[in-house]
Amino acid sequence: MVTGYAIEARGLRKSYGDVDVLESVDLSVQRGTMFALLGPNGAGKTTTVRILSTLLEADGGTVTINGHDLTGPKRKVREQIGLTGQNTAVDELLTGRENLEMMARLFHLATPAAKSRATELLAQFDLTEAADRPVKTYSGGMRRRLDLAISLITSPPVLFLDEPTTGLDPRSRSAMWDAIRELLDGGTTILLTTQYLEEADQLADRIAVIDKGRVVAEGTAAELKRKVGTERLKLTFATAAEAARAHGVAGGVLTDDTVSVAIDQPAQVRRVLNQIADAGLETTGLELSEPTLDDVFHTLTGTAGEKR
């Protein structure tokens, strides 16, 4: 049955021996939208993508991609999807054009069609000038763009991006973001895994925070931020030891020499400051701001996400 969801997963489970990697993960991704899986290393993001993209068998649960069940012929599902993994899958000895033409032929495109498609993708991802250079001469950002281009040879309606900008400099990351936005504008459904908070905040229509194999929260960026309070009071102290003492008094999230406390009403600010003063502590700075995805990440997983 075809629904409004391009990707539907229910009760996904995966274990390796006694280690539970995924514990009953549910996901629903609307067609033509970007859905981000946000979580620390080892949370289960890549395992989820590998199952959804038919590279790994789940121990339990159900998956449909554009109405095709993963228990059916894998070929039908693979016709619907493209995948860009964490590591580039290109031949460094070939040129960018040769890589694209070779992969197009493997997808059974005739030689003229393969050459035409390669030319189109080189232009789309700003690689035309470097098209006939060996890939070993490409920068990291150029390789990632070529890898993304390869995953789009057959114009799949569903695309999985597994931490596609890891290790890229800010300029290359921005270029990848622009390429991803163009795909979204063209109607592609994208499931993105990332550790970068800003990436999820900027690109995703909906975000699921995954930790220790479970989805611990899901919603828009605004909805997730509201889960940790309407505002955040950030208190800075002269030393990490003083911040730790303040954390013991006021609670919140402790990070080095700062304590961040969720504030739901104005009177709470004075109450926290009085608690700090009564404990004989003195702040070196304070800031009241709206919560960020970093606050969500800290609160829900107990770890810090990447903000690059």
C-alpha atoms as a PDB file:
ATOM      1  CA  MET A   1       0.000   0.000   0.000  1.00  0.00           C
ATOM      2  CA  VAL A   2       1.409   3.400  -1.009  1.00  0.00           C
ATOM      3  CA  THR A   3       1.116   6.064   1.704  1.00  0.00           C
ATOM      4  CA  GLY A   4       2.355   9.613   2.135  1.00  0.00           C
ATOM      5  CA  TYR A   5       5.558   8.208   3.601  1.00  0.00           C
ATOM      6  CA  ALA A   6       8.552   7.421   1.423  1.00  0.00           C
ATOM      7  CA  ILE A   7      10.238   5.564   4.302  1.00  0.00           C
ATOM      8  CA  GLU A   8       8.441   3.650   7.039  1.00  0.00           C
ATOM      9  CA  ALA A   9      10.139   1.526   9.688  1.00  0.00           C
ATOM     10  CA  ARG A  10       8.451  -0.184  12.600  1.00  0.00           C
ATOM     11  CA  GLY A  11      10.111  -2.001  15.483  1.00  0.00           C
ATOM     12  CA  LEU A  12      13.582  -2.274  13.931  1.00  0.00           C
ATOM     13  CA  ARG A  13      15.889  -4.458  16.025  1.00  0.00           C
ATOM     14  CA  LYS A  14      19.514  -5.445  15.532  1.00  0.00           C
ATOM     15  CA  SER A  15      21.959  -7.157  17.890  1.00  0.00           C
ATOM     16  CA  TYR A  16      25.500  -8.448  17.656  1.00  0.00           C
ATOM     17  CA  GLY A  17      25.856 -11.176  20.229  1.00  0.00           C
ATOM     18  CA  ASP A  18      24.767  -9.728  23.563  1.00  0.00           C
ATOM     19  CA  VAL A  19      25.010  -6.130  22.313  1.00  0.00           C
ATOM     20  CA  ASP A  20      21.696  -4.528  21.294  1.00  0.00           C
ATOM     21  CA  VAL A  21      22.484  -1.979  18.591  1.00  0.00           C
ATOM     22  CA  LEU A  22      18.859  -1.114  17.743  1.00  0.00           C
ATOM     23  CA  GLU A  23      15.902  -1.577  20.081  1.00  0.00           C
ATOM     24  CA  SER A  24      12.499  -1.181  18.421  1.00  0.00           C
ATOM     25  CA  VAL A  25      13.237   1.887  16.255  1.00  0.00           C
ATOM     26  CA  ASP A  26      10.223   3.507  14.525  1.00  0.00           C
ATOM     27  CA  LEU A  27      10.633   6.060  11.711  1.00  0.00           C
ATOM     28  CA  SER A  28       8.237   7.711   9.232  1.00  0.00           C
ATOM     29  CA  VAL A  29       9.584  10.045   6.548  1.00  0.00           C
ATOM     30  CA  GLN A  30       7.185  12.095   4.429  1.00  0.00           C
ATOM     31  CA  ARG A  31       7.808  12.170   0.683  1.00  0.00           C
ATOM     32  CA  GLY A  32       9.897  15.092  -0.548  1.00  0.00           C
ATOM     33  CA  THR A  33      11.218  16.007   2.905  1.00  0.00           C
ATOM     34  CA  MET A  34      14.507  15.805   4.775  1.00  0.00           C
ATOM     35  CA  PHE A  35      14.539  13.670   7.922  1.00  0.00           C
ATOM     36  CA  ALA A  36      17.668  13.782  10.113  1.00  0.00           C
ATOM     37  CA  LEU A  37      18.889  11.137  12.525  1.00  0.00           C
ATOM     38  CA  LEU A  38      20.915  12.944  15.152  1.00  0.00           C
ATOM     39  CA  GLY A  39      22.961  11.094  17.741  1.00  0.00           C
ATOM     40  CA  PRO A  40      26.420  10.426  19.206  1.00  0.00           C
ATOM     41  CA  ASN A  41      28.862   7.855  17.854  1.00  0.00           C
ATOM     42  CA  GLY A  42      27.588   4.337  18.421  1.00  0.00           C
ATOM     43  CA  ALA A  43      23.966   5.446  18.810  1.00  0.00           C
ATOM     44  CA  GLY A  44      22.746   3.245  15.938  1.00  0.00           C
ATOM     45  CA  LYS A  45      22.480   5.788  13.109  1.00  0.00           C
ATOM     46  CA  THR A  46      24.604   3.961  10.538  1.00  0.00           C
ATOM     47  CA  THR A  47      23.091   0.577  11.428  1.00  0.00           C
ATOM     48  CA  THR A  48      19.643   2.048  10.765  1.00  0.00           C
ATOM     49  CA  VAL A  49      20.712   3.380   7.364  1.00  0.00           C
ATOM     50  CA  ARG A  50      22.360   0.081   6.410  1.00  0.00           C
ATOM     51  CA  ILE A  51      19.129  -1.775   7.170  1.00  0.00           C
ATOM     52  CA  LEU A  52      16.916   0.716   5.339  1.00  0.00           C
ATOM     53  CA  SER A  53      19.207   0.623   2.276  1.00  0.00           C
ATOM     54  CA  THR A  54      19.178  -3.225   2.133  1.00  0.00           C
ATOM     55  CA  LEU A  55      22.865  -3.596   3.081  1.00  0.00           C
ATOM     56  CA  LEU A  56      22.099  -5.270   6.414  1.00  0.00           C
ATOM     57  CA  GLU A  57      19.378  -7.626   7.594  1.00  0.00           C
ATOM     58  CA  ALA A  58      17.410  -6.575  10.667  1.00  0.00           C
ATOM     59  CA  ASP A  59      16.718  -9.069  13.452  1.00  0.00           C
ATOM     60  CA  GLY A  60      13.129  -7.848  13.641  1.00  0.00           C
ATOM     61  CA  GLY A  61      10.726  -5.163  12.478  1.00  0.00           C
ATOM     62  CA  THR A  62       9.308  -4.049   9.132  1.00  0.00           C
ATOM     63  CA  VAL A  63      10.453  -1.547   6.486  1.00  0.00           C
ATOM     64  CA  THR A  64       8.804  -0.144   3.364  1.00  0.00           C
ATOM     65  CA  ILE A  65      10.509   2.180   0.876  1.00  0.00           C
ATOM     66  CA  ASN A  66       8.082   3.952  -1.472  1.00  0.00           C
ATOM     67  CA  GLY A  67       5.580   1.202  -0.782  1.00  0.00           C
ATOM     68  CA  HIS A  68       8.030  -1.669  -1.405  1.00  0.00           C
ATOM     69  CA  ASP A  69       8.501  -4.042   1.527  1.00  0.00           C
ATOM     70  CA  LEU A  70      12.064  -5.073   2.388  1.00  0.00           C
ATOM     71  CA  THR A  71      10.858  -8.661   2.752  1.00  0.00           C
ATOM     72  CA  GLY A  72      10.089  -8.652  -0.982  1.00  0.00           C
ATOM     73  CA  PRO A  73      12.570  -8.574  -3.873  1.00  0.00           C
ATOM     74  CA  LYS A  74      15.517  -6.361  -2.904  1.00  0.00           C
ATOM     75  CA  ARG A  75      15.876  -5.258  -6.524  1.00  0.00           C
ATOM     76  CA  LYS A  76      12.595  -3.320  -6.371  1.00  0.00           C
ATOM     77  CA  VAL A  77      13.719  -1.473  -3.248  1.00  0.00           C
ATOM     78  CA  ARG A  78      17.174  -0.745  -4.659  1.00  0.00           C
ATOM     79  CA  GLU A  79      15.610   0.812  -7.735  1.00  0.00           C
ATOM     80  CA  GLN A  80      14.069   3.416  -5.405  1.00  0.00           C
ATOM     81  CA  ILE A  81      17.165   4.444  -3.448  1.00  0.00           C
ATOM     82  CA  GLY A  82      20.599   6.029  -3.589  1.00  0.00           C
ATOM     83  CA  LEU A  83      23.215   5.917  -0.824  1.00  0.00           C
ATOM     84  CA  THR A  84      26.192   8.068   0.074  1.00  0.00           C
ATOM     85  CA  GLY A  85      28.104   6.453   2.917  1.00  0.00           C
ATOM     86  CA  GLN A  86      30.617   7.826   5.396  1.00  0.00           C
ATOM     87  CA  ASN A  87      33.545   6.889   3.148  1.00  0.00           C
ATOM     88  CA  THR A  88      33.800   7.873  -0.500  1.00  0.00           C
ATOM     89  CA  ALA A  89      33.286   4.977  -2.912  1.00  0.00           C
ATOM     90  CA  VAL A  90      35.238   6.269  -5.897  1.00  0.00           C
ATOM     91  CA  ASP A  91      38.249   4.946  -7.820  1.00  0.00           C
ATOM     92  CA  GLU A  92      41.090   7.399  -7.225  1.00  0.00           C
ATOM     93  CA  LEU A  93      43.007   6.301 -10.344  1.00  0.00           C
ATOM     94  CA  LEU A  94      40.100   7.133 -12.651  1.00  0.00           C
ATOM     95  CA  THR A  95      38.932  10.626 -13.534  1.00  0.00           C
ATOM     96  CA  GLY A  96      35.675  12.004 -12.200  1.00  0.00           C
ATOM     97  CA  ARG A  97      34.068  11.510 -15.604  1.00  0.00           C
ATOM     98  CA  GLU A  98      35.340   7.918 -15.856  1.00  0.00           C
ATOM     99  CA  ASN A  99      33.974   7.101 -12.402  1.00  0.00           C
ATOM    100  CA  LEU A 100      30.530   8.368 -13.346  1.00  0.00           C
ATOM    101  CA  GLU A 101      30.478   6.689 -16.753  1.00  0.00           C
ATOM    102  CA  MET A 102      31.632   3.377 -15.269  1.00  0.00           C
ATOM    103  CA  MET A 103      28.917   3.419 -12.594  1.00  0.00           C
ATOM    104  CA  ALA A 104      26.291   4.437 -15.150  1.00  0.00           C
ATOM    105  CA  ARG A 105      27.233   1.435 -17.298  1.00  0.00           C
ATOM    106  CA  LEU A 106      26.946  -0.796 -14.204  1.00  0.00           C
ATOM    107  CA  PHE A 107      23.394   0.538 -13.862  1.00  0.00           C
ATOM    108  CA  HIS A 108      22.828  -0.742 -17.435  1.00  0.00           C
ATOM    109  CA  LEU A 109      22.745   2.657 -19.143  1.00  0.00           C
ATOM    110  CA  ALA A 110      23.837   2.457 -22.786  1.00  0.00           C
ATOM    111  CA  THR A 111      27.181   4.112 -23.544  1.00  0.00           C
ATOM    112  CA  PRO A 112      25.722   7.333 -25.049  1.00  0.00           C
ATOM    113  CA  ALA A 113      23.276   7.666 -22.119  1.00  0.00           C
ATOM    114  CA  ALA A 114      26.078   7.005 -19.612  1.00  0.00           C
ATOM    115  CA  LYS A 115      28.237   9.743 -21.134  1.00  0.00           C
ATOM    116  CA  SER A 116      25.321  12.178 -21.196  1.00  0.00           C
ATOM    117  CA  ARG A 117      24.346  11.484 -17.586  1.00  0.00           C
ATOM    118  CA  ALA A 118      27.965  11.863 -16.441  1.00  0.00           C
ATOM    119  CA  THR A 119      28.181  15.266 -18.125  1.00  0.00           C
ATOM    120  CA  GLU A 120      24.922  16.381 -16.482  1.00  0.00           C
ATOM    121  CA  LEU A 121      26.060  15.349 -13.000  1.00  0.00           C
ATOM    122  CA  LEU A 122      29.511  16.909 -13.378  1.00  0.00           C
ATOM    123  CA  ALA A 123      27.833  20.219 -14.170  1.00  0.00           C
ATOM    124  CA  GLN A 124      25.254  19.857 -11.379  1.00  0.00           C
ATOM    125  CA  PHE A 125      27.951  19.334  -8.753  1.00  0.00           C
ATOM    126  CA  ASP A 126      30.393  21.935 -10.095  1.00  0.00           C
ATOM    127  CA  LEU A 127      32.970  19.358 -11.182  1.00  0.00           C
ATOM    128  CA  THR A 128      33.136  20.097 -14.912  1.00  0.00           C
ATOM    129  CA  GLU A 129      36.568  21.768 -14.774  1.00  0.00           C
ATOM    130  CA  ALA A 130      37.994  18.805 -12.828  1.00  0.00           C
ATOM    131  CA  ALA A 131      36.113  16.163 -14.829  1.00  0.00           C
ATOM    132  CA  ASP A 132      39.173  14.772 -16.622  1.00  0.00           C
ATOM    133  CA  ARG A 133      41.585  14.853 -13.694  1.00  0.00           C
ATOM    134  CA  PRO A 134      42.325  11.710 -11.640  1.00  0.00           C
ATOM    135  CA  VAL A 135      40.202  11.671  -8.488  1.00  0.00           C
ATOM    136  CA  LYS A 136      43.376  11.321  -6.376  1.00  0.00           C
ATOM    137  CA  THR A 137      43.982  15.024  -7.152  1.00  0.00           C
ATOM    138  CA  TYR A 138      40.539  16.063  -5.808  1.00  0.00           C
ATOM    139  CA  SER A 139      40.008  17.785  -2.476  1.00  0.00           C
ATOM    140  CA  GLY A 140      37.889  16.097   0.206  1.00  0.00           C
ATOM    141  CA  GLY A 141      34.897  18.245  -0.675  1.00  0.00           C
ATOM    142  CA  MET A 142      35.190  17.439  -4.388  1.00  0.00           C
ATOM    143  CA  ARG A 143      35.338  13.707  -3.638  1.00  0.00           C
ATOM    144  CA  ARG A 144      32.223  13.922  -1.482  1.00  0.00           C
ATOM    145  CA  ARG A 145      30.379  15.789  -4.241  1.00  0.00           C
ATOM    146  CA  LEU A 146      31.458  13.152  -6.768  1.00  0.00           C
ATOM    147  CA  ASP A 147      30.300  10.414  -4.392  1.00  0.00           C
ATOM    148  CA  LEU A 148      26.917  12.120  -4.073  1.00  0.00           C
ATOM    149  CA  ALA A 149      26.722  12.473  -7.867  1.00  0.00           C
ATOM    150  CA  ILE A 150      27.347   8.732  -8.283  1.00  0.00           C
ATOM    151  CA  SER A 151      24.460   7.932  -5.921  1.00  0.00           C
ATOM    152  CA  LEU A 152      22.169   9.995  -8.178  1.00  0.00           C
ATOM    153  CA  ILE A 153      22.974   8.392 -11.529  1.00  0.00           C
ATOM    154  CA  THR A 154      19.517   6.812 -11.767  1.00  0.00           C
ATOM    155  CA  SER A 155      17.722   9.825 -10.176  1.00  0.00           C
ATOM    156  CA  PRO A 156      16.406   7.795  -7.209  1.00  0.00           C
ATOM    157  CA  PRO A 157      13.374   9.239  -5.390  1.00  0.00           C
ATOM    158  CA  VAL A 158      14.841   8.304  -1.975  1.00  0.00           C
ATOM    159  CA  LEU A 159      18.385   9.161  -0.895  1.00  0.00           C
ATOM    160  CA  PHE A 160      20.277   8.063   2.212  1.00  0.00           C
ATOM    161  CA  LEU A 161      23.126  10.334   3.331  1.00  0.00           C
ATOM    162  CA  ASP A 162      25.225   8.809   6.112  1.00  0.00           C
ATOM    163  CA  GLU A 163      27.255  11.656   7.673  1.00  0.00           C
ATOM    164  CA  PRO A 164      28.054  13.093   4.217  1.00  0.00           C
ATOM    165  CA  THR A 165      29.983  16.145   5.460  1.00  0.00           C
ATOM    166  CA  THR A 166      32.188  14.505   8.106  1.00  0.00           C
ATOM    167  CA  GLY A 167      35.739  15.823   7.845  1.00  0.00           C
ATOM    168  CA  LEU A 168      34.933  18.614   5.392  1.00  0.00           C
ATOM    169  CA  ASP A 169      36.050  22.208   5.881  1.00  0.00           C
ATOM    170  CA  PRO A 170      33.311  24.855   6.308  1.00  0.00           C
ATOM    171  CA  ARG A 171      33.410  25.917   2.639  1.00  0.00           C
ATOM    172  CA  SER A 172      33.090  22.344   1.357  1.00  0.00           C
ATOM    173  CA  ARG A 173      30.331  21.634   3.885  1.00  0.00           C
ATOM    174  CA  SER A 174      28.420  24.699   2.677  1.00  0.00           C
ATOM    175  CA  ALA A 175      28.728  23.500  -0.926  1.00  0.00           C
ATOM    176  CA  MET A 176      27.343  20.091   0.069  1.00  0.00           C
ATOM    177  CA  TRP A 177      24.448  21.784   1.864  1.00  0.00           C
ATOM    178  CA  ASP A 178      23.625  23.713  -1.318  1.00  0.00           C
ATOM    179  CA  ALA A 179      23.662  20.480  -3.352  1.00  0.00           C
ATOM    180  CA  ILE A 180      21.393  18.772  -0.814  1.00  0.00           C
ATOM    181  CA  ARG A 181      18.946  21.697  -0.842  1.00  0.00           C
ATOM    182  CA  GLU A 182      18.731  21.477  -4.644  1.00  0.00           C
ATOM    183  CA  LEU A 183      17.825  17.793  -4.373  1.00  0.00           C
ATOM    184  CA  LEU A 184      15.107  18.604  -1.856  1.00  0.00           C
ATOM    185  CA  ASP A 185      13.753  21.343  -4.106  1.00  0.00           C
ATOM    186  CA  GLY A 186      13.556  18.733  -6.860  1.00  0.00           C
ATOM    187  CA  GLY A 187      11.350  16.455  -4.742  1.00  0.00           C
ATOM    188  CA  THR A 188      13.920  13.922  -3.499  1.00  0.00           C
ATOM    189  CA  THR A 189      13.205  12.372  -0.097  1.00  0.00           C
ATOM    190  CA  ILE A 190      16.362  12.400   2.041  1.00  0.00           C
ATOM    191  CA  LEU A 191      17.258  10.618   5.243  1.00  0.00           C
ATOM    192  CA  LEU A 192      20.388  12.188   6.736  1.00  0.00           C
ATOM    193  CA  THR A 193      22.498  10.964   9.625  1.00  0.00           C
ATOM    194  CA  THR A 194      24.736  13.527  11.252  1.00  0.00           C
ATOM    195  CA  GLN A 195      26.540  14.530  14.424  1.00  0.00           C
ATOM    196  CA  TYR A 196      26.522  18.167  13.356  1.00  0.00           C
ATOM    197  CA  LEU A 197      23.797  20.068  15.189  1.00  0.00           C
ATOM    198  CA  GLU A 198      23.785  22.999  12.788  1.00  0.00           C
ATOM    199  CA  GLU A 199      23.420  20.640   9.827  1.00  0.00           C
ATOM    200  CA  ALA A 200      20.258  19.085  11.232  1.00  0.00           C
ATOM    201  CA  ASP A 201      18.924  22.496  12.285  1.00  0.00           C
ATOM    202  CA  GLN A 202      19.511  24.052   8.845  1.00  0.00           C
ATOM    203  CA  LEU A 203      18.424  21.220   6.558  1.00  0.00           C
ATOM    204  CA  ALA A 204      15.920  18.908   8.224  1.00  0.00           C
ATOM    205  CA  ASP A 205      12.140  19.172   8.193  1.00  0.00           C
ATOM    206  CA  ARG A 206      12.014  16.702  11.093  1.00  0.00           C
ATOM    207  CA  ILE A 207      14.662  15.303  13.423  1.00  0.00           C
ATOM    208  CA  ALA A 208      14.869  12.136  15.468  1.00  0.00           C
ATOM    209  CA  VAL A 209      17.409  11.979  18.289  1.00  0.00           C
ATOM    210  CA  ILE A 210      18.704   8.425  18.613  1.00  0.00           C
ATOM    211  CA  ASP A 211      20.736   7.189  21.574  1.00  0.00           C
ATOM    212  CA  LYS A 212      21.780   3.670  22.564  1.00  0.00           C
ATOM    213  CA  GLY A 213      19.657   2.137  19.838  1.00  0.00           C
ATOM    214  CA  ARG A 214      16.427   3.965  20.690  1.00  0.00           C
ATOM    215  CA  VAL A 215      14.663   7.061  19.374  1.00  0.00           C
ATOM    216  CA  VAL A 216      14.515   9.266  22.466  1.00  0.00           C
ATOM    217  CA  ALA A 217      12.782  12.254  20.832  1.00  0.00           C
ATOM    218  CA  GLU A 218      11.337  13.288  17.478  1.00  0.00           C
ATOM    219  CA  GLY A 219       9.927  16.487  16.032  1.00  0.00           C
ATOM    220  CA  THR A 220      10.842  19.674  14.227  1.00  0.00           C
ATOM    221  CA  ALA A 221      13.873  21.569  15.482  1.00  0.00           C
ATOM    222  CA  ALA A 222      11.556  24.041  17.230  1.00  0.00           C
ATOM    223  CA  GLU A 223       9.562  21.256  18.903  1.00  0.00           C
ATOM    224  CA  LEU A 224      12.713  19.556  20.180  1.00  0.00           C
ATOM    225  CA  LYS A 225      14.059  22.815  21.568  1.00  0.00           C
ATOM    226  CA  ARG A 226      10.828  23.369  23.499  1.00  0.00           C
ATOM    227  CA  LYS A 227      11.346  20.006  25.203  1.00  0.00           C
ATOM    228  CA  VAL A 228      14.269  21.449  27.171  1.00  0.00           C
ATOM    229  CA  GLY A 229      12.575  24.645  28.348  1.00  0.00           C
ATOM    230  CA  THR A 230      11.519  27.880  26.746  1.00  0.00           C
ATOM    231  CA  GLU A 231      14.873  29.575  27.513  1.00  0.00           C
ATOM    232  CA  ARG A 232      18.336  28.645  28.795  1.00  0.00           C
ATOM    233  CA  LEU A 233      20.278  30.460  31.518  1.00  0.00           C
ATOM    234  CA  LYS A 234      23.991  29.938  30.908  1.00  0.00           C
ATOM    235  CA  LEU A 235      26.215  30.659  33.922  1.00  0.00           C
ATOM    236  CA  THR A 236      29.994  30.881  33.567  1.00  0.00           C
ATOM    237  CA  PHE A 237      32.425  30.434  36.471  1.00  0.00           C
ATOM    238  CA  ALA A 238      36.113  31.122  37.034  1.00  0.00           C
ATOM    239  CA  THR A 239      36.969  27.416  37.285  1.00  0.00           C
ATOM    240  CA  ALA A 240      35.498  24.067  36.320  1.00  0.00           C
ATOM    241  CA  ALA A 241      35.461  23.121  40.014  1.00  0.00           C
ATOM    242  CA  GLU A 242      33.214  26.100  40.862  1.00  0.00           C
ATOM    243  CA  ALA A 243      30.941  25.208  37.943  1.00  0.00           C
ATOM    244  CA  ALA A 244      30.677  21.661  39.264  1.00  0.00           C
ATOM    245  CA  ARG A 245      29.630  23.000  42.695  1.00  0.00           C
ATOM    246  CA  ALA A 246      27.041  25.273  41.044  1.00  0.00           C
ATOM    247  CA  HIS A 247      25.721  22.312  39.065  1.00  0.00           C
ATOM    248  CA  GLY A 248      25.231  20.443  42.312  1.00  0.00           C
ATOM    249  CA  VAL A 249      23.160  23.348  43.626  1.00  0.00           C
ATOM    250  CA  ALA A 250      21.149  24.451  40.583  1.00  0.00           C
ATOM    251  CA  GLY A 251      21.147  21.349  38.368  1.00  0.00           C
ATOM    252  CA  GLY A 252      21.042  21.780  34.596  1.00  0.00           C
ATOM    253  CA  VAL A 253      23.802  20.738  32.205  1.00  0.00           C
ATOM    254  CA  LEU A 254      27.478  21.030  33.216  1.00  0.00           C
ATOM    255  CA  THR A 255      30.077  21.706  30.500  1.00  0.00           C
ATOM    256  CA  ASP A 256      33.612  22.593  31.621  1.00  0.00           C
ATOM    257  CA  ASP A 257      33.273  25.975  33.408  1.00  0.00           C
ATOM    258  CA  THR A 258      29.607  26.592  32.546  1.00  0.00           C
ATOM    259  CA  VAL A 259      26.210  25.474  33.770  1.00  0.00           C
ATOM    260  CA  SER A 260      23.119  25.717  31.544  1.00  0.00           C
ATOM    261  CA  VAL A 261      19.709  25.662  33.242  1.00  0.00           C
ATOM    262  CA  ALA A 262      16.298  25.369  31.548  1.00  0.00           C
ATOM    263  CA  ILE A 263      14.093  28.375  32.383  1.00  0.00           C
ATOM    264  CA  ASP A 264      10.321  28.089  32.046  1.00  0.00           C
ATOM    265  CA  GLN A 265       9.293  31.307  33.847  1.00  0.00           C
ATOM    266  CA  PRO A 266      11.044  34.630  34.668  1.00  0.00           C
ATOM    267  CA  ALA A 267      10.975  34.101  38.441  1.00  0.00           C
ATOM    268  CA  GLN A 268      13.138  31.017  37.988  1.00  0.00           C
ATOM    269  CA  VAL A 269      16.109  33.160  36.916  1.00  0.00           C
ATOM    270  CA  ARG A 270      16.224  34.967  40.276  1.00  0.00           C
ATOM    271  CA  ARG A 271      15.718  31.692  42.124  1.00  0.00           C
ATOM    272  CA  VAL A 272      18.737  30.098  40.402  1.00  0.00           C
ATOM    273  CA  LEU A 273      20.902  33.175  40.987  1.00  0.00           C
ATOM    274  CA  ASN A 274      19.920  33.218  44.681  1.00  0.00           C
ATOM    275  CA  GLN A 275      20.844  29.521  44.968  1.00  0.00           C
ATOM    276  CA  ILE A 276      24.259  30.252  43.486  1.00  0.00           C
ATOM    277  CA  ALA A 277      24.839  33.239  45.804  1.00  0.00           C
ATOM    278  CA  ASP A 278      23.693  31.296  48.898  1.00  0.00           C
ATOM    279  CA  ALA A 279      26.277  28.634  48.042  1.00  0.00           C
ATOM    280  CA  GLY A 280      29.004  31.276  48.162  1.00  0.00           C
ATOM    281  CA  LEU A 281      29.663  31.105  44.431  1.00  0.00           C
ATOM    282  CA  GLU A 282      30.152  33.996  42.039  1.00  0.00           C
ATOM    283  CA  THR A 283      29.575  33.929  38.283  1.00  0.00           C
ATOM    284  CA  THR A 284      31.958  35.525  35.791  1.00  0.00           C
ATOM    285  CA  GLY A 285      29.224  35.779  33.186  1.00  0.00           C
ATOM    286  CA  LEU A 286      25.613  34.914  32.465  1.00  0.00           C
ATOM    287  CA  GLU A 287      23.512  34.720  29.333  1.00  0.00           C
ATOM    288  CA  LEU A 288      19.797  34.127  28.772  1.00  0.00           C
ATOM    289  CA  SER A 289      18.923  32.695  25.370  1.00  0.00           C
ATOM    290  CA  GLU A 290      16.569  30.415  23.511  1.00  0.00           C
ATOM    291  CA  PRO A 291      17.496  26.711  23.678  1.00  0.00           C
ATOM    292  CA  THR A 292      19.570  25.228  20.850  1.00  0.00           C
ATOM    293  CA  LEU A 293      19.856  21.712  19.450  1.00  0.00           C
ATOM    294  CA  ASP A 294      23.037  21.475  21.516  1.00  0.00           C
ATOM    295  CA  ASP A 295      20.869  21.815  24.644  1.00  0.00           C
ATOM    296  CA  VAL A 296      18.551  19.115  23.286  1.00  0.00           C
ATOM    297  CA  PHE A 297      21.497  16.848  22.532  1.00  0.00           C
ATOM    298  CA  HIS A 298      23.041  17.352  25.988  1.00  0.00           C
ATOM    299  CA  THR A 299      19.756  16.812  27.798  1.00  0.00           C
ATOM    300  CA  LEU A 300      18.640  13.723  25.892  1.00  0.00           C
ATOM    301  CA  THR A 301      21.950  11.908  25.358  1.00  0.00           C
ATOM    302  CA  GLY A 302      24.280  13.298  28.020  1.00  0.00           C
ATOM    303  CA  THR A 303      26.871  14.093  25.329  1.00  0.00           C
ATOM    304  CA  ALA A 304      27.776  17.045  23.153  1.00  0.00           C
ATOM    305  CA  GLY A 305      27.077  17.145  19.434  1.00  0.00           C
ATOM    306  CA  GLU A 306      29.339  18.708  16.844  1.00  0.00           C
ATOM    307  CA  LYS A 307      28.482  22.325  16.089  1.00  0.00           C
ATOM    308  CA  ARG A 308      30.615  22.832  13.005  1.00  0.00           C
END
